[in-house]
Amino acid sequence: IFNKPEGCVSTVKDQFGRKTVLSYLKNIKERIY
């Protein structure tokens, strides 16, 4: 469960180079979405 801030996208990758939610979950080894 993640408390998402404004200013990031709810995707794994972003074609426009914007920050994604996974940018905040760097210590999780498994691939989650």
Full PDB file with SEQRES, HELIX, SHEET, SSBOND, CRYST1, ORIGX, SCALE, CONECT and MASTER records, all heavy atoms in Angstrom:
SEQRES   1 A   33  ILE PHE ASN LYS PRO GLU GLY CYS VAL SER THR VAL LYS          
SEQRES   2 A   33  ASP GLN PHE GLY ARG LYS THR VAL LEU SER TYR LEU LYS          
SEQRES   3 A   33  ASN ILE LYS GLU ARG ILE TYR                                  
HELIX    1 AA1 VAL A   21  TYR A   24  5                                   4    
CRYST1    1.000    1.000    1.000  90.00  90.00  90.00 P 1           1          
ORIGX1      1.000000  0.000000  0.000000        0.00000                         
ORIGX2      0.000000  1.000000  0.000000        0.00000                         
ORIGX3      0.000000  0.000000  1.000000        0.00000                         
SCALE1      1.000000  0.000000  0.000000        0.00000                         
SCALE2      0.000000  1.000000  0.000000        0.00000                         
SCALE3      0.000000  0.000000  1.000000        0.00000                         
ATOM      1  N   ILE A   1       0.865  -1.170   0.000  1.00  0.00           N  
ATOM      2  CA  ILE A   1       0.000   0.000   0.000  1.00  0.00           C  
ATOM      3  C   ILE A   1       0.909   1.229   0.000  1.00  0.00           C  
ATOM      4  O   ILE A   1       1.858   1.311   0.777  1.00  0.00           O  
ATOM      5  CB  ILE A   1      -0.961   0.009   1.209  1.00  0.00           C  
ATOM      6  CG1 ILE A   1      -1.833   1.262   1.198  1.00  0.00           C  
ATOM      7  CG2 ILE A   1      -0.226  -0.118   2.513  1.00  0.00           C  
ATOM      8  CD1 ILE A   1      -2.877   1.261   2.298  1.00  0.00           C  
ATOM      9  N   PHE A   2       0.628   2.168  -0.897  1.00  0.00           N  
ATOM     10  CA  PHE A   2       1.492   3.333  -1.102  1.00  0.00           C  
ATOM     11  C   PHE A   2       0.650   4.596  -1.043  1.00  0.00           C  
ATOM     12  O   PHE A   2      -0.447   4.656  -1.599  1.00  0.00           O  
ATOM     13  CB  PHE A   2       2.169   3.211  -2.470  1.00  0.00           C  
ATOM     14  CG  PHE A   2       2.979   4.408  -2.896  1.00  0.00           C  
ATOM     15  CD1 PHE A   2       3.993   4.909  -2.090  1.00  0.00           C  
ATOM     16  CD2 PHE A   2       2.742   5.008  -4.122  1.00  0.00           C  
ATOM     17  CE1 PHE A   2       4.750   6.009  -2.504  1.00  0.00           C  
ATOM     18  CE2 PHE A   2       3.486   6.098  -4.537  1.00  0.00           C  
ATOM     19  CZ  PHE A   2       4.493   6.603  -3.729  1.00  0.00           C  
ATOM     20  N   ASN A   3       1.165   5.615  -0.337  1.00  0.00           N  
ATOM     21  CA  ASN A   3       0.493   6.916  -0.310  1.00  0.00           C  
ATOM     22  C   ASN A   3       1.094   7.767  -1.417  1.00  0.00           C  
ATOM     23  O   ASN A   3       2.117   8.416  -1.250  1.00  0.00           O  
ATOM     24  CB  ASN A   3       0.676   7.589   1.048  1.00  0.00           C  
ATOM     25  CG  ASN A   3      -0.212   8.818   1.201  1.00  0.00           C  
ATOM     26  OD1 ASN A   3      -0.757   9.338   0.223  1.00  0.00           O  
ATOM     27  ND2 ASN A   3      -0.360   9.296   2.424  1.00  0.00           N  
ATOM     28  N   LYS A   4       0.463   7.730  -2.548  1.00  0.00           N  
ATOM     29  CA  LYS A   4       0.966   8.405  -3.744  1.00  0.00           C  
ATOM     30  C   LYS A   4       0.882   9.924  -3.612  1.00  0.00           C  
ATOM     31  O   LYS A   4      -0.160  10.461  -3.267  1.00  0.00           O  
ATOM     32  CB  LYS A   4       0.167   7.966  -4.969  1.00  0.00           C  
ATOM     33  CG  LYS A   4       0.508   8.709  -6.258  1.00  0.00           C  
ATOM     34  CD  LYS A   4      -0.515   8.427  -7.335  1.00  0.00           C  
ATOM     35  CE  LYS A   4      -0.330   9.268  -8.563  1.00  0.00           C  
ATOM     36  NZ  LYS A   4      -0.433  10.717  -8.356  1.00  0.00           N  
ATOM     37  N   PRO A   5       1.976  10.624  -3.920  1.00  0.00           N  
ATOM     38  CA  PRO A   5       1.917  12.087  -3.929  1.00  0.00           C  
ATOM     39  C   PRO A   5       1.412  12.588  -5.282  1.00  0.00           C  
ATOM     40  O   PRO A   5       1.370  11.828  -6.261  1.00  0.00           O  
ATOM     41  CB  PRO A   5       3.391  12.482  -3.730  1.00  0.00           C  
ATOM     42  CG  PRO A   5       4.137  11.385  -4.415  1.00  0.00           C  
ATOM     43  CD  PRO A   5       3.337  10.123  -4.174  1.00  0.00           C  
ATOM     44  N   GLU A   6       1.015  13.845  -5.354  1.00  0.00           N  
ATOM     45  CA  GLU A   6       0.724  14.435  -6.648  1.00  0.00           C  
ATOM     46  C   GLU A   6       2.033  14.545  -7.424  1.00  0.00           C  
ATOM     47  O   GLU A   6       3.119  14.571  -6.847  1.00  0.00           O  
ATOM     48  CB  GLU A   6       0.123  15.833  -6.498  1.00  0.00           C  
ATOM     49  CG  GLU A   6      -1.198  15.883  -5.744  1.00  0.00           C  
ATOM     50  CD  GLU A   6      -1.029  16.126  -4.248  1.00  0.00           C  
ATOM     51  OE1 GLU A   6       0.093  15.888  -3.739  1.00  0.00           O  
ATOM     52  OE2 GLU A   6      -1.993  16.545  -3.595  1.00  0.00           O  
ATOM     53  N   GLY A   7       1.930  14.582  -8.743  1.00  0.00           N  
ATOM     54  CA  GLY A   7       3.126  14.802  -9.543  1.00  0.00           C  
ATOM     55  C   GLY A   7       3.864  13.549  -9.954  1.00  0.00           C  
ATOM     56  O   GLY A   7       5.034  13.615 -10.326  1.00  0.00           O  
ATOM     57  N   CYS A   8       3.199  12.381  -9.884  1.00  0.00           N  
ATOM     58  CA  CYS A   8       3.800  11.165 -10.430  1.00  0.00           C  
ATOM     59  C   CYS A   8       2.686  10.326 -11.046  1.00  0.00           C  
ATOM     60  O   CYS A   8       1.518  10.470 -10.690  1.00  0.00           O  
ATOM     61  CB  CYS A   8       4.577  10.382  -9.376  1.00  0.00           C  
ATOM     62  SG  CYS A   8       3.578   9.548  -8.138  1.00  0.00           S  
ATOM     63  N   VAL A   9       3.061   9.469 -11.981  1.00  0.00           N  
ATOM     64  CA  VAL A   9       2.064   8.683 -12.709  1.00  0.00           C  
ATOM     65  C   VAL A   9       1.959   7.273 -12.139  1.00  0.00           C  
ATOM     66  O   VAL A   9       2.932   6.722 -11.623  1.00  0.00           O  
ATOM     67  CB  VAL A   9       2.390   8.611 -14.218  1.00  0.00           C  
ATOM     68  CG1 VAL A   9       2.212   9.971 -14.863  1.00  0.00           C  
ATOM     69  CG2 VAL A   9       3.813   8.109 -14.444  1.00  0.00           C  
ATOM     70  N   SER A  10       0.766   6.698 -12.235  1.00  0.00           N  
ATOM     71  CA  SER A  10       0.502   5.360 -11.678  1.00  0.00           C  
ATOM     72  C   SER A  10       0.797   4.279 -12.710  1.00  0.00           C  
ATOM     73  O   SER A  10      -0.046   3.436 -13.022  1.00  0.00           O  
ATOM     74  CB  SER A  10      -0.955   5.265 -11.222  1.00  0.00           C  
ATOM     75  OG  SER A  10      -1.240   6.228 -10.254  1.00  0.00           O  
ATOM     76  N   THR A  11       2.016   4.305 -13.249  1.00  0.00           N  
ATOM     77  CA  THR A  11       2.435   3.315 -14.221  1.00  0.00           C  
ATOM     78  C   THR A  11       3.836   2.830 -13.865  1.00  0.00           C  
ATOM     79  O   THR A  11       4.517   3.419 -13.026  1.00  0.00           O  
ATOM     80  CB  THR A  11       2.453   3.901 -15.646  1.00  0.00           C  
ATOM     81  OG1 THR A  11       3.285   5.067 -15.661  1.00  0.00           O  
ATOM     82  CG2 THR A  11       1.055   4.281 -16.100  1.00  0.00           C  
ATOM     83  N   VAL A  12       4.256   1.760 -14.529  1.00  0.00           N  
ATOM     84  CA  VAL A  12       5.599   1.227 -14.300  1.00  0.00           C  
ATOM     85  C   VAL A  12       6.632   2.072 -15.039  1.00  0.00           C  
ATOM     86  O   VAL A  12       7.717   2.343 -14.540  1.00  0.00           O  
ATOM     87  CB  VAL A  12       5.667  -0.245 -14.759  1.00  0.00           C  
ATOM     88  CG1 VAL A  12       7.085  -0.785 -14.637  1.00  0.00           C  
ATOM     89  CG2 VAL A  12       4.698  -1.097 -13.938  1.00  0.00           C  
ATOM     90  N   LYS A  13       6.279   2.494 -16.269  1.00  0.00           N  
ATOM     91  CA  LYS A  13       7.145   3.360 -17.065  1.00  0.00           C  
ATOM     92  C   LYS A  13       6.315   4.506 -17.626  1.00  0.00           C  
ATOM     93  O   LYS A  13       5.094   4.421 -17.707  1.00  0.00           O  
ATOM     94  CB  LYS A  13       7.784   2.573 -18.222  1.00  0.00           C  
ATOM     95  CG  LYS A  13       8.701   1.446 -17.789  1.00  0.00           C  
ATOM     96  CD  LYS A  13       9.281   0.736 -19.001  1.00  0.00           C  
ATOM     97  CE  LYS A  13      10.184  -0.424 -18.585  1.00  0.00           C  
ATOM     98  NZ  LYS A  13      10.729  -1.147 -19.765  1.00  0.00           N  
ATOM     99  N   ASP A  14       6.982   5.595 -18.011  1.00  0.00           N  
ATOM    100  CA  ASP A  14       6.268   6.727 -18.599  1.00  0.00           C  
ATOM    101  C   ASP A  14       7.022   7.210 -19.833  1.00  0.00           C  
ATOM    102  O   ASP A  14       8.224   7.493 -19.764  1.00  0.00           O  
ATOM    103  CB  ASP A  14       6.138   7.870 -17.595  1.00  0.00           C  
ATOM    104  CG  ASP A  14       5.345   9.035 -18.162  1.00  0.00           C  
ATOM    105  OD1 ASP A  14       4.152   8.847 -18.463  1.00  0.00           O  
ATOM    106  OD2 ASP A  14       5.921  10.127 -18.334  1.00  0.00           O  
ATOM    107  N   GLN A  15       6.304   7.293 -20.940  1.00  0.00           N  
ATOM    108  CA  GLN A  15       6.942   7.667 -22.203  1.00  0.00           C  
ATOM    109  C   GLN A  15       7.430   9.112 -22.224  1.00  0.00           C  
ATOM    110  O   GLN A  15       8.272   9.483 -23.048  1.00  0.00           O  
ATOM    111  CB  GLN A  15       5.955   7.457 -23.362  1.00  0.00           C  
ATOM    112  CG  GLN A  15       4.669   8.269 -23.233  1.00  0.00           C  
ATOM    113  CD  GLN A  15       3.727   8.039 -24.401  1.00  0.00           C  
ATOM    114  OE1 GLN A  15       4.166   7.805 -25.521  1.00  0.00           O  
ATOM    115  NE2 GLN A  15       2.423   8.105 -24.139  1.00  0.00           N  
ATOM    116  N   PHE A  16       6.933   9.926 -21.311  1.00  0.00           N  
ATOM    117  CA  PHE A  16       7.340  11.334 -21.267  1.00  0.00           C  
ATOM    118  C   PHE A  16       8.424  11.585 -20.204  1.00  0.00           C  
ATOM    119  O   PHE A  16       8.793  12.729 -19.960  1.00  0.00           O  
ATOM    120  CB  PHE A  16       6.125  12.219 -20.991  1.00  0.00           C  
ATOM    121  CG  PHE A  16       5.027  12.061 -22.006  1.00  0.00           C  
ATOM    122  CD1 PHE A  16       3.822  11.463 -21.655  1.00  0.00           C  
ATOM    123  CD2 PHE A  16       5.196  12.498 -23.320  1.00  0.00           C  
ATOM    124  CE1 PHE A  16       2.811  11.306 -22.584  1.00  0.00           C  
ATOM    125  CE2 PHE A  16       4.183  12.341 -24.254  1.00  0.00           C  
ATOM    126  CZ  PHE A  16       2.991  11.741 -23.893  1.00  0.00           C  
ATOM    127  N   GLY A  17       8.890  10.527 -19.592  1.00  0.00           N  
ATOM    128  CA  GLY A  17       9.967  10.667 -18.621  1.00  0.00           C  
ATOM    129  C   GLY A  17       9.545  11.210 -17.270  1.00  0.00           C  
ATOM    130  O   GLY A  17      10.386  11.629 -16.470  1.00  0.00           O  
ATOM    131  N   ARG A  18       8.233  11.195 -16.994  1.00  0.00           N  
ATOM    132  CA  ARG A  18       7.760  11.673 -15.697  1.00  0.00           C  
ATOM    133  C   ARG A  18       8.022  10.631 -14.619  1.00  0.00           C  
ATOM    134  O   ARG A  18       8.201   9.463 -14.887  1.00  0.00           O  
ATOM    135  CB  ARG A  18       6.260  11.990 -15.768  1.00  0.00           C  
ATOM    136  CG  ARG A  18       5.902  13.143 -16.684  1.00  0.00           C  
ATOM    137  CD  ARG A  18       4.386  13.289 -16.814  1.00  0.00           C  
ATOM    138  NE  ARG A  18       3.784  12.127 -17.462  1.00  0.00           N  
ATOM    139  CZ  ARG A  18       2.485  12.004 -17.718  1.00  0.00           C  
ATOM    140  NH1 ARG A  18       1.658  12.978 -17.357  1.00  0.00           N  
ATOM    141  NH2 ARG A  18       2.021  10.926 -18.313  1.00  0.00           N  
ATOM    142  N   LYS A  19       8.039  11.081 -13.385  1.00  0.00           N  
ATOM    143  CA  LYS A  19       8.275  10.194 -12.256  1.00  0.00           C  
ATOM    144  C   LYS A  19       7.103   9.223 -12.119  1.00  0.00           C  
ATOM    145  O   LYS A  19       5.943   9.611 -12.239  1.00  0.00           O  
ATOM    146  CB  LYS A  19       8.432  11.021 -10.976  1.00  0.00           C  
ATOM    147  CG  LYS A  19       9.201  10.318  -9.871  1.00  0.00           C  
ATOM    148  CD  LYS A  19       9.605  11.300  -8.785  1.00  0.00           C  
ATOM    149  CE  LYS A  19      10.564  10.657  -7.807  1.00  0.00           C  
ATOM    150  NZ  LYS A  19      11.036  11.612  -6.775  1.00  0.00           N  
ATOM    151  N   THR A  20       7.407   7.955 -11.858  1.00  0.00           N  
ATOM    152  CA  THR A  20       6.364   6.953 -11.664  1.00  0.00           C  
ATOM    153  C   THR A  20       6.306   6.533 -10.204  1.00  0.00           C  
ATOM    154  O   THR A  20       7.216   6.813  -9.418  1.00  0.00           O  
ATOM    155  CB  THR A  20       6.632   5.701 -12.525  1.00  0.00           C  
ATOM    156  OG1 THR A  20       7.724   4.962 -11.956  1.00  0.00           O  
ATOM    157  CG2 THR A  20       6.964   6.085 -13.956  1.00  0.00           C  
ATOM    158  N   VAL A  21       5.242   5.837  -9.841  1.00  0.00           N  
ATOM    159  CA  VAL A  21       5.093   5.393  -8.453  1.00  0.00           C  
ATOM    160  C   VAL A  21       6.213   4.438  -8.048  1.00  0.00           C  
ATOM    161  O   VAL A  21       6.606   4.380  -6.876  1.00  0.00           O  
ATOM    162  CB  VAL A  21       3.715   4.738  -8.223  1.00  0.00           C  
ATOM    163  CG1 VAL A  21       2.608   5.764  -8.319  1.00  0.00           C  
ATOM    164  CG2 VAL A  21       3.473   3.589  -9.198  1.00  0.00           C  
ATOM    165  N   LEU A  22       6.754   3.692  -9.009  1.00  0.00           N  
ATOM    166  CA  LEU A  22       7.821   2.753  -8.681  1.00  0.00           C  
ATOM    167  C   LEU A  22       9.115   3.466  -8.292  1.00  0.00           C  
ATOM    168  O   LEU A  22      10.000   2.850  -7.702  1.00  0.00           O  
ATOM    169  CB  LEU A  22       8.082   1.817  -9.864  1.00  0.00           C  
ATOM    170  CG  LEU A  22       6.971   0.803 -10.184  1.00  0.00           C  
ATOM    171  CD1 LEU A  22       7.449  -0.186 -11.227  1.00  0.00           C  
ATOM    172  CD2 LEU A  22       6.509   0.064  -8.937  1.00  0.00           C  
ATOM    173  N   SER A  23       9.198   4.758  -8.601  1.00  0.00           N  
ATOM    174  CA  SER A  23      10.383   5.528  -8.205  1.00  0.00           C  
ATOM    175  C   SER A  23      10.514   5.596  -6.687  1.00  0.00           C  
ATOM    176  O   SER A  23      11.605   5.830  -6.159  1.00  0.00           O  
ATOM    177  CB  SER A  23      10.301   6.947  -8.769  1.00  0.00           C  
ATOM    178  OG  SER A  23      10.177   6.940 -10.174  1.00  0.00           O  
ATOM    179  N   TYR A  24       9.402   5.392  -5.991  1.00  0.00           N  
ATOM    180  CA  TYR A  24       9.389   5.498  -4.529  1.00  0.00           C  
ATOM    181  C   TYR A  24       9.513   4.128  -3.848  1.00  0.00           C  
ATOM    182  O   TYR A  24       9.601   4.062  -2.628  1.00  0.00           O  
ATOM    183  CB  TYR A  24       8.098   6.164  -4.060  1.00  0.00           C  
ATOM    184  CG  TYR A  24       7.901   7.563  -4.594  1.00  0.00           C  
ATOM    185  CD1 TYR A  24       7.242   7.793  -5.794  1.00  0.00           C  
ATOM    186  CD2 TYR A  24       8.374   8.673  -3.882  1.00  0.00           C  
ATOM    187  CE1 TYR A  24       7.068   9.080  -6.281  1.00  0.00           C  
ATOM    188  CE2 TYR A  24       8.199   9.958  -4.364  1.00  0.00           C  
ATOM    189  CZ  TYR A  24       7.550  10.151  -5.565  1.00  0.00           C  
ATOM    190  OH  TYR A  24       7.373  11.433  -6.054  1.00  0.00           O  
ATOM    191  N   LEU A  25       9.518   3.051  -4.635  1.00  0.00           N  
ATOM    192  CA  LEU A  25       9.527   1.696  -4.063  1.00  0.00           C  
ATOM    193  C   LEU A  25      10.791   0.944  -4.496  1.00  0.00           C  
ATOM    194  O   LEU A  25      10.734  -0.172  -5.000  1.00  0.00           O  
ATOM    195  CB  LEU A  25       8.277   0.921  -4.497  1.00  0.00           C  
ATOM    196  CG  LEU A  25       6.957   1.274  -3.802  1.00  0.00           C  
ATOM    197  CD1 LEU A  25       6.456   2.637  -4.194  1.00  0.00           C  
ATOM    198  CD2 LEU A  25       5.898   0.227  -4.104  1.00  0.00           C  
ATOM    199  N   LYS A  26      11.921   1.553  -4.288  1.00  0.00           N  
ATOM    200  CA  LYS A  26      13.177   1.030  -4.823  1.00  0.00           C  
ATOM    201  C   LYS A  26      13.699  -0.194  -4.084  1.00  0.00           C  
ATOM    202  O   LYS A  26      14.535  -0.919  -4.604  1.00  0.00           O  
ATOM    203  CB  LYS A  26      14.231   2.137  -4.804  1.00  0.00           C  
ATOM    204  CG  LYS A  26      13.890   3.306  -5.733  1.00  0.00           C  
ATOM    205  CD  LYS A  26      14.942   4.391  -5.677  1.00  0.00           C  
ATOM    206  CE  LYS A  26      14.588   5.528  -6.616  1.00  0.00           C  
ATOM    207  NZ  LYS A  26      15.591   6.632  -6.567  1.00  0.00           N  
ATOM    208  N   ASN A  27      13.239  -0.443  -2.886  1.00  0.00           N  
ATOM    209  CA  ASN A  27      13.773  -1.554  -2.098  1.00  0.00           C  
ATOM    210  C   ASN A  27      12.991  -2.851  -2.271  1.00  0.00           C  
ATOM    211  O   ASN A  27      13.244  -3.827  -1.559  1.00  0.00           O  
ATOM    212  CB  ASN A  27      13.807  -1.177  -0.614  1.00  0.00           C  
ATOM    213  CG  ASN A  27      14.794  -0.049  -0.338  1.00  0.00           C  
ATOM    214  OD1 ASN A  27      15.849   0.028  -0.970  1.00  0.00           O  
ATOM    215  ND2 ASN A  27      14.453   0.830   0.590  1.00  0.00           N  
ATOM    216  N   ILE A  28      12.047  -2.869  -3.202  1.00  0.00           N  
ATOM    217  CA  ILE A  28      11.266  -4.078  -3.455  1.00  0.00           C  
ATOM    218  C   ILE A  28      11.833  -4.779  -4.684  1.00  0.00           C  
ATOM    219  O   ILE A  28      11.858  -4.225  -5.780  1.00  0.00           O  
ATOM    220  CB  ILE A  28       9.775  -3.728  -3.665  1.00  0.00           C  
ATOM    221  CG1 ILE A  28       9.221  -3.090  -2.383  1.00  0.00           C  
ATOM    222  CG2 ILE A  28       8.980  -4.976  -4.028  1.00  0.00           C  
ATOM    223  CD1 ILE A  28       7.793  -2.635  -2.494  1.00  0.00           C  
ATOM    224  N   LYS A  29      12.292  -6.011  -4.516  1.00  0.00           N  
ATOM    225  CA  LYS A  29      12.970  -6.729  -5.590  1.00  0.00           C  
ATOM    226  C   LYS A  29      11.995  -7.293  -6.620  1.00  0.00           C  
ATOM    227  O   LYS A  29      12.298  -7.364  -7.808  1.00  0.00           O  
ATOM    228  CB  LYS A  29      13.821  -7.858  -5.001  1.00  0.00           C  
ATOM    229  CG  LYS A  29      14.955  -7.367  -4.096  1.00  0.00           C  
ATOM    230  CD  LYS A  29      15.744  -8.531  -3.534  1.00  0.00           C  
ATOM    231  CE  LYS A  29      16.867  -8.034  -2.630  1.00  0.00           C  
ATOM    232  NZ  LYS A  29      17.657  -9.160  -2.053  1.00  0.00           N  
ATOM    233  N   GLU A  30      10.841  -7.737  -6.150  1.00  0.00           N  
ATOM    234  CA  GLU A  30       9.865  -8.334  -7.065  1.00  0.00           C  
ATOM    235  C   GLU A  30       9.292  -7.279  -8.015  1.00  0.00           C  
ATOM    236  O   GLU A  30       9.185  -6.105  -7.662  1.00  0.00           O  
ATOM    237  CB  GLU A  30       8.723  -8.992  -6.280  1.00  0.00           C  
ATOM    238  CG  GLU A  30       9.130 -10.233  -5.517  1.00  0.00           C  
ATOM    239  CD  GLU A  30       9.823  -9.906  -4.210  1.00  0.00           C  
ATOM    240  OE1 GLU A  30       9.843  -8.716  -3.825  1.00  0.00           O  
ATOM    241  OE2 GLU A  30      10.343 -10.835  -3.573  1.00  0.00           O  
ATOM    242  N   ARG A  31       8.917  -7.726  -9.203  1.00  0.00           N  
ATOM    243  CA  ARG A  31       8.288  -6.806 -10.152  1.00  0.00           C  
ATOM    244  C   ARG A  31       6.804  -6.684  -9.806  1.00  0.00           C  
ATOM    245  O   ARG A  31       6.038  -7.638  -9.902  1.00  0.00           O  
ATOM    246  CB  ARG A  31       8.444  -7.324 -11.594  1.00  0.00           C  
ATOM    247  CG  ARG A  31       7.773  -6.413 -12.619  1.00  0.00           C  
ATOM    248  CD  ARG A  31       8.191  -6.759 -14.021  1.00  0.00           C  
ATOM    249  NE  ARG A  31       7.769  -8.097 -14.410  1.00  0.00           N  
ATOM    250  CZ  ARG A  31       8.006  -8.615 -15.624  1.00  0.00           C  
ATOM    251  NH1 ARG A  31       8.678  -7.908 -16.515  1.00  0.00           N  
ATOM    252  NH2 ARG A  31       7.593  -9.835 -15.918  1.00  0.00           N  
ATOM    253  N   ILE A  32       6.411  -5.508  -9.358  1.00  0.00           N  
ATOM    254  CA  ILE A  32       5.019  -5.260  -9.007  1.00  0.00           C  
ATOM    255  C   ILE A  32       4.470  -4.135  -9.882  1.00  0.00           C  
ATOM    256  O   ILE A  32       5.231  -3.401 -10.519  1.00  0.00           O  
ATOM    257  CB  ILE A  32       4.853  -4.903  -7.514  1.00  0.00           C  
ATOM    258  CG1 ILE A  32       5.655  -3.645  -7.163  1.00  0.00           C  
ATOM    259  CG2 ILE A  32       5.277  -6.075  -6.642  1.00  0.00           C  
ATOM    260  CD1 ILE A  32       5.462  -3.171  -5.729  1.00  0.00           C  
ATOM    261  N   TYR A  33       3.172  -3.999  -9.897  1.00  0.00           N  
ATOM    262  CA  TYR A  33       2.535  -2.979 -10.720  1.00  0.00           C  
ATOM    263  C   TYR A  33       1.296  -2.447  -9.996  1.00  0.00           C  
ATOM    264  O   TYR A  33       0.728  -3.119  -9.127  1.00  0.00           O  
ATOM    265  CB  TYR A  33       2.160  -3.530 -12.095  1.00  0.00           C  
ATOM    266  CG  TYR A  33       1.387  -4.832 -12.045  1.00  0.00           C  
ATOM    267  CD1 TYR A  33       0.006  -4.846 -11.935  1.00  0.00           C  
ATOM    268  CD2 TYR A  33       2.044  -6.056 -12.084  1.00  0.00           C  
ATOM    269  CE1 TYR A  33      -0.699  -6.024 -11.876  1.00  0.00           C  
ATOM    270  CE2 TYR A  33       1.345  -7.249 -12.017  1.00  0.00           C  
ATOM    271  CZ  TYR A  33      -0.026  -7.225 -11.923  1.00  0.00           C  
ATOM    272  OH  TYR A  33      -0.722  -8.406 -11.855  1.00  0.00           O  
TER     273      TYR A  33                                                      
MASTER        0    0    0    1    0    0    0    6  272    1    0    3          
END                                                                             
